[in-house]
PDB file of N, CA and C in Angstrom:
ATOM      1  N   MET A   1      85.875 107.690 118.714  1.00  0.00           N
ATOM      2  CA  MET A   1      87.006 106.777 118.610  1.00  0.00           C
ATOM      3  C   MET A   1      87.771 106.929 117.309  1.00  0.00           C
ATOM      4  N   GLY A   2      88.989 107.333 117.309  1.00  0.00           N
ATOM      5  CA  GLY A   2      89.814 107.669 116.107  1.00  0.00           C
ATOM      6  C   GLY A   2      90.878 106.517 116.020  1.00  0.00           C
ATOM      7  N   LEU A   3      91.709 106.920 115.120  1.00  0.00           N
ATOM      8  CA  LEU A   3      92.882 105.955 114.695  1.00  0.00           C
ATOM      9  C   LEU A   3      93.969 106.073 115.892  1.00  0.00           C
ATOM     10  N   ASN A   4      94.472 104.984 116.177  1.00  0.00           N
ATOM     11  CA  ASN A   4      95.568 104.946 117.157  1.00  0.00           C
ATOM     12  C   ASN A   4      96.727 105.714 116.459  1.00  0.00           C
ATOM     13  N   PRO A   5      97.361 106.657 117.205  1.00  0.00           N
ATOM     14  CA  PRO A   5      98.339 107.435 116.753  1.00  0.00           C
ATOM     15  C   PRO A   5      99.545 106.718 116.100  1.00  0.00           C
ATOM     16  N   LEU A   6      99.914 105.635 116.726  1.00  0.00           N
ATOM     17  CA  LEU A   6     100.979 104.855 116.177  1.00  0.00           C
ATOM     18  C   LEU A   6     100.602 104.221 114.869  1.00  0.00           C
ATOM     19  N   PHE A   7      99.364 103.707 114.756  1.00  0.00           N
ATOM     20  CA  PHE A   7      98.839 103.162 113.387  1.00  0.00           C
ATOM     21  C   PHE A   7      98.977 104.196 112.357  1.00  0.00           C
ATOM     22  N   ALA A   8      98.535 105.413 112.712  1.00  0.00           N
ATOM     23  CA  ALA A   8      98.442 106.577 111.816  1.00  0.00           C
ATOM     24  C   ALA A   8      99.925 106.980 111.359  1.00  0.00           C
ATOM     25  N   LEU A   9     100.884 106.914 112.191  1.00  0.00           N
ATOM     26  CA  LEU A   9     102.175 107.065 111.949  1.00  0.00           C
ATOM     27  C   LEU A   9     102.734 106.059 110.937  1.00  0.00           C
ATOM     28  N   ILE A  10     102.396 104.796 111.308  1.00  0.00           N
ATOM     29  CA  ILE A  10     102.961 103.751 110.360  1.00  0.00           C
ATOM     30  C   ILE A  10     102.354 103.827 109.003  1.00  0.00           C
ATOM     31  N   ILE A  11     101.051 104.165 108.927  1.00  0.00           N
ATOM     32  CA  ILE A  11     100.464 104.458 107.578  1.00  0.00           C
ATOM     33  C   ILE A  11     101.037 105.492 106.836  1.00  0.00           C
ATOM     34  N   PHE A  12     101.344 106.638 107.422  1.00  0.00           N
ATOM     35  CA  PHE A  12     101.877 107.859 106.983  1.00  0.00           C
ATOM     36  C   PHE A  12     103.322 107.429 106.396  1.00  0.00           C
ATOM     37  N   ALA A  13     104.142 106.777 107.167  1.00  0.00           N
ATOM     38  CA  ALA A  13     105.486 106.317 106.774  1.00  0.00           C
ATOM     39  C   ALA A  13     105.450 105.404 105.534  1.00  0.00           C
ATOM     40  N   LEU A  14     104.482 104.411 105.459  1.00  0.00           N
ATOM     41  CA  LEU A  14     104.381 103.672 104.320  1.00  0.00           C
ATOM     42  C   LEU A  14     103.927 104.383 103.145  1.00  0.00           C
ATOM     43  N   ASP A  15     103.000 105.369 103.289  1.00  0.00           N
ATOM     44  CA  ASP A  15     102.575 106.214 102.121  1.00  0.00           C
ATOM     45  C   ASP A  15     103.733 106.953 101.567  1.00  0.00           C
ATOM     46  N   ILE A  16     104.597 107.605 102.423  1.00  0.00           N
ATOM     47  CA  ILE A  16     105.793 108.233 101.924  1.00  0.00           C
ATOM     48  C   ILE A  16     106.729 107.395 101.239  1.00  0.00           C
ATOM     49  N   TRP A  17     106.980 106.168 101.695  1.00  0.00           N
ATOM     50  CA  TRP A  17     107.776 105.229 101.028  1.00  0.00           C
ATOM     51  C   TRP A  17     107.182 104.855  99.697  1.00  0.00           C
ATOM     52  N   ALA A  18     105.894 104.674  99.624  1.00  0.00           N
ATOM     53  CA  ALA A  18     105.279 104.381  98.214  1.00  0.00           C
ATOM     54  C   ALA A  18     105.461 105.505  97.345  1.00  0.00           C
ATOM     55  N   ILE A  19     105.278 106.803  97.826  1.00  0.00           N
ATOM     56  CA  ILE A  19     105.323 107.859  96.952  1.00  0.00           C
ATOM     57  C   ILE A  19     106.802 108.090  96.395  1.00  0.00           C
ATOM     58  N   ALA A  20     107.726 107.873  97.207  1.00  0.00           N
ATOM     59  CA  ALA A  20     109.113 107.928  96.841  1.00  0.00           C
ATOM     60  C   ALA A  20     109.425 106.834  95.836  1.00  0.00           C
ATOM     61  N   SER A  21     108.896 105.663  95.976  1.00  0.00           N
ATOM     62  CA  SER A  21     109.147 104.596  95.077  1.00  0.00           C
ATOM     63  C   SER A  21     108.390 104.908  93.726  1.00  0.00           C
ATOM     64  N   ILE A  22     107.341 105.526  93.741  1.00  0.00           N
ATOM     65  CA  ILE A  22     106.694 105.791  92.616  1.00  0.00           C
ATOM     66  C   ILE A  22     107.453 106.918  91.813  1.00  0.00           C
ATOM     67  N   PHE A  23     108.066 107.818  92.613  1.00  0.00           N
ATOM     68  CA  PHE A  23     108.893 108.998  91.861  1.00  0.00           C
ATOM     69  C   PHE A  23     110.028 108.241  91.128  1.00  0.00           C
ATOM     70  N   ASN A  24     110.630 107.188  91.812  1.00  0.00           N
ATOM     71  CA  ASN A  24     111.861 106.459  91.258  1.00  0.00           C
ATOM     72  C   ASN A  24     111.496 105.457  90.202  1.00  0.00           C
ATOM     73  N   SER A  25     110.269 105.293  89.942  1.00  0.00           N
ATOM     74  CA  SER A  25     109.940 104.218  88.824  1.00  0.00           C
ATOM     75  C   SER A  25     110.066 104.877  87.474  1.00  0.00           C
ATOM     76  N   LYS A  26     110.075 103.935  86.503  1.00  0.00           N
ATOM     77  CA  LYS A  26     110.357 104.453  84.978  1.00  0.00           C
ATOM     78  C   LYS A  26     109.125 104.652  84.305  1.00  0.00           C
ATOM     79  N   VAL A  27     107.941 104.703  85.012  1.00  0.00           N
ATOM     80  CA  VAL A  27     106.565 104.929  84.284  1.00  0.00           C
ATOM     81  C   VAL A  27     106.488 106.302  83.900  1.00  0.00           C
ATOM     82  N   GLU A  28     105.577 106.679  82.911  1.00  0.00           N
ATOM     83  CA  GLU A  28     105.373 107.974  82.520  1.00  0.00           C
ATOM     84  C   GLU A  28     104.864 108.907  83.666  1.00  0.00           C
ATOM     85  N   THR A  29     105.091 110.277  83.407  1.00  0.00           N
ATOM     86  CA  THR A  29     104.676 111.176  84.443  1.00  0.00           C
ATOM     87  C   THR A  29     103.118 111.228  84.697  1.00  0.00           C
ATOM     88  N   ALA A  30     102.329 110.993  83.686  1.00  0.00           N
ATOM     89  CA  ALA A  30     100.852 110.928  83.942  1.00  0.00           C
ATOM     90  C   ALA A  30     100.653 109.781  84.851  1.00  0.00           C
ATOM     91  N   GLN A  31     101.208 108.608  84.637  1.00  0.00           N
ATOM     92  CA  GLN A  31     101.051 107.414  85.432  1.00  0.00           C
ATOM     93  C   GLN A  31     101.479 107.657  86.888  1.00  0.00           C
ATOM     94  N   LYS A  32     102.608 108.305  87.033  1.00  0.00           N
ATOM     95  CA  LYS A  32     103.043 108.532  88.401  1.00  0.00           C
ATOM     96  C   LYS A  32     102.173 109.531  89.119  1.00  0.00           C
ATOM     97  N   ALA A  33     101.544 110.543  88.424  1.00  0.00           N
ATOM     98  CA  ALA A  33     100.631 111.314  89.095  1.00  0.00           C
ATOM     99  C   ALA A  33      99.412 110.644  89.560  1.00  0.00           C
ATOM    100  N   LEU A  34      98.881 109.721  88.633  1.00  0.00           N
ATOM    101  CA  LEU A  34      97.743 108.932  89.014  1.00  0.00           C
ATOM    102  C   LEU A  34      97.978 108.025  90.284  1.00  0.00           C
ATOM    103  N   TRP A  35      99.145 107.405  90.353  1.00  0.00           N
ATOM    104  CA  TRP A  35      99.482 106.538  91.340  1.00  0.00           C
ATOM    105  C   TRP A  35      99.645 107.414  92.690  1.00  0.00           C
ATOM    106  N   ILE A  36     100.343 108.489  92.556  1.00  0.00           N
ATOM    107  CA  ILE A  36     100.462 109.388  93.748  1.00  0.00           C
ATOM    108  C   ILE A  36      99.122 109.831  94.364  1.00  0.00           C
ATOM    109  N   ALA A  37      98.327 110.234  93.372  1.00  0.00           N
ATOM    110  CA  ALA A  37      96.916 110.705  93.780  1.00  0.00           C
ATOM    111  C   ALA A  37      96.122 109.594  94.440  1.00  0.00           C
ATOM    112  N   LEU A  38      96.213 108.397  94.001  1.00  0.00           N
ATOM    113  CA  LEU A  38      95.600 107.224  94.689  1.00  0.00           C
ATOM    114  C   LEU A  38      96.106 106.934  96.078  1.00  0.00           C
ATOM    115  N   VAL A  39      97.403 107.033  96.226  1.00  0.00           N
ATOM    116  CA  VAL A  39      98.002 106.904  97.558  1.00  0.00           C
ATOM    117  C   VAL A  39      97.678 107.991  98.564  1.00  0.00           C
ATOM    118  N   LEU A  40      97.621 109.266  98.035  1.00  0.00           N
ATOM    119  CA  LEU A  40      97.183 110.331  98.857  1.00  0.00           C
ATOM    120  C   LEU A  40      95.838 110.438  99.184  1.00  0.00           C
ATOM    121  N   PHE A  41      94.893 110.127  98.256  1.00  0.00           N
ATOM    122  CA  PHE A  41      93.476 110.234  98.693  1.00  0.00           C
ATOM    123  C   PHE A  41      92.865 108.992  99.333  1.00  0.00           C
ATOM    124  N   LEU A  42      93.485 107.817  99.139  1.00  0.00           N
ATOM    125  CA  LEU A  42      93.009 106.547  99.759  1.00  0.00           C
ATOM    126  C   LEU A  42      94.235 105.920 100.538  1.00  0.00           C
ATOM    127  N   PRO A  43      94.687 106.436 101.600  1.00  0.00           N
ATOM    128  CA  PRO A  43      96.033 106.198 102.144  1.00  0.00           C
ATOM    129  C   PRO A  43      96.256 104.572 102.321  1.00  0.00           C
ATOM    130  N   ILE A  44      95.254 103.931 102.899  1.00  0.00           N
ATOM    131  CA  ILE A  44      95.502 102.523 103.231  1.00  0.00           C
ATOM    132  C   ILE A  44      95.210 101.755 101.970  1.00  0.00           C
ATOM    133  N   ILE A  45      94.024 101.782 101.403  1.00  0.00           N
ATOM    134  CA  ILE A  45      93.701 101.071 100.244  1.00  0.00           C
ATOM    135  C   ILE A  45      94.582 101.500  99.087  1.00  0.00           C
ATOM    136  N   GLY A  46      94.955 102.608  98.866  1.00  0.00           N
ATOM    137  CA  GLY A  46      95.861 103.098  97.834  1.00  0.00           C
ATOM    138  C   GLY A  46      97.219 102.408  97.980  1.00  0.00           C
ATOM    139  N   PHE A  47      97.740 102.348  99.203  1.00  0.00           N
ATOM    140  CA  PHE A  47      98.983 101.803  99.495  1.00  0.00           C
ATOM    141  C   PHE A  47      99.018 100.224  99.093  1.00  0.00           C
ATOM    142  N   LEU A  48      97.967  99.638  99.472  1.00  0.00           N
ATOM    143  CA  LEU A  48      97.875  98.198  99.276  1.00  0.00           C
ATOM    144  C   LEU A  48      97.751  97.875  97.656  1.00  0.00           C
ATOM    145  N   ILE A  49      96.943  98.695  97.014  1.00  0.00           N
ATOM    146  CA  ILE A  49      96.942  98.595  95.631  1.00  0.00           C
ATOM    147  C   ILE A  49      98.205  98.709  94.875  1.00  0.00           C
ATOM    148  N   TRP A  50      98.876  99.909  95.386  1.00  0.00           N
ATOM    149  CA  TRP A  50     100.172 100.210  94.826  1.00  0.00           C
ATOM    150  C   TRP A  50     101.202  99.021  95.071  1.00  0.00           C
ATOM    151  N   TYR A  51     101.196  98.555  96.293  1.00  0.00           N
ATOM    152  CA  TYR A  51     102.116  97.540  96.755  1.00  0.00           C
ATOM    153  C   TYR A  51     101.981  96.201  95.854  1.00  0.00           C
ATOM    154  N   PHE A  52     100.791  95.909  95.456  1.00  0.00           N
ATOM    155  CA  PHE A  52     100.557  94.627  94.747  1.00  0.00           C
ATOM    156  C   PHE A  52     100.619  94.922  93.233  1.00  0.00           C
ATOM    157  N   ALA A  53     100.123  96.075  92.716  1.00  0.00           N
ATOM    158  CA  ALA A  53      99.989  96.300  91.291  1.00  0.00           C
ATOM    159  C   ALA A  53     100.736  97.398  90.755  1.00  0.00           C
ATOM    160  N   GLY A  54     101.260  98.238  91.567  1.00  0.00           N
ATOM    161  CA  GLY A  54     101.878  99.570  91.087  1.00  0.00           C
ATOM    162  C   GLY A  54     103.220  99.419  90.572  1.00  0.00           C
ATOM    163  N   PRO A  55     103.785 100.444  90.004  1.00  0.00           N
ATOM    164  CA  PRO A  55     105.074 100.478  89.458  1.00  0.00           C
ATOM    165  C   PRO A  55     106.222 100.346  90.584  1.00  0.00           C
ATOM    166  N   LYS A  56     107.253  99.643  90.296  1.00  0.00           N
ATOM    167  CA  LYS A  56     108.203  99.492  91.262  1.00  0.00           C
ATOM    168  C   LYS A  56     109.398 100.366  90.846  1.00  0.00           C
ATOM    169  N   PRO A  57     110.209 100.774  91.836  1.00  0.00           N
ATOM    170  CA  PRO A  57     111.359 101.702  91.483  1.00  0.00           C
ATOM    171  C   PRO A  57     112.346 100.978  90.520  1.00  0.00           C
ATOM    172  N   ALA A  58     112.992 101.826  89.676  1.00  0.00           N
ATOM    173  CA  ALA A  58     113.945 101.311  88.744  1.00  0.00           C
ATOM    174  C   ALA A  58     115.230 100.792  89.533  1.00  0.00           C
ATOM    175  N   ARG A  59     115.804  99.820  89.150  1.00  0.00           N
ATOM    176  CA  ARG A  59     117.098  99.276  89.786  1.00  0.00           C
ATOM    177  C   ARG A  59     118.220  99.576  89.005  1.00  0.00           C
TER     178      ARG A  59
END
């Protein structure tokens, strides 16, 4: 029993959005790399942690 393909696609899209937002934030490059690694290696949990505690894009 694997992931539902639609669920996997939604997680993938949210992770891409998170990574793009991290790139557009004003934090240092090392912090960006750590956040991106977290989102890539732990897709669901990493996204949730980023959403609540991560850097937000510059406005």
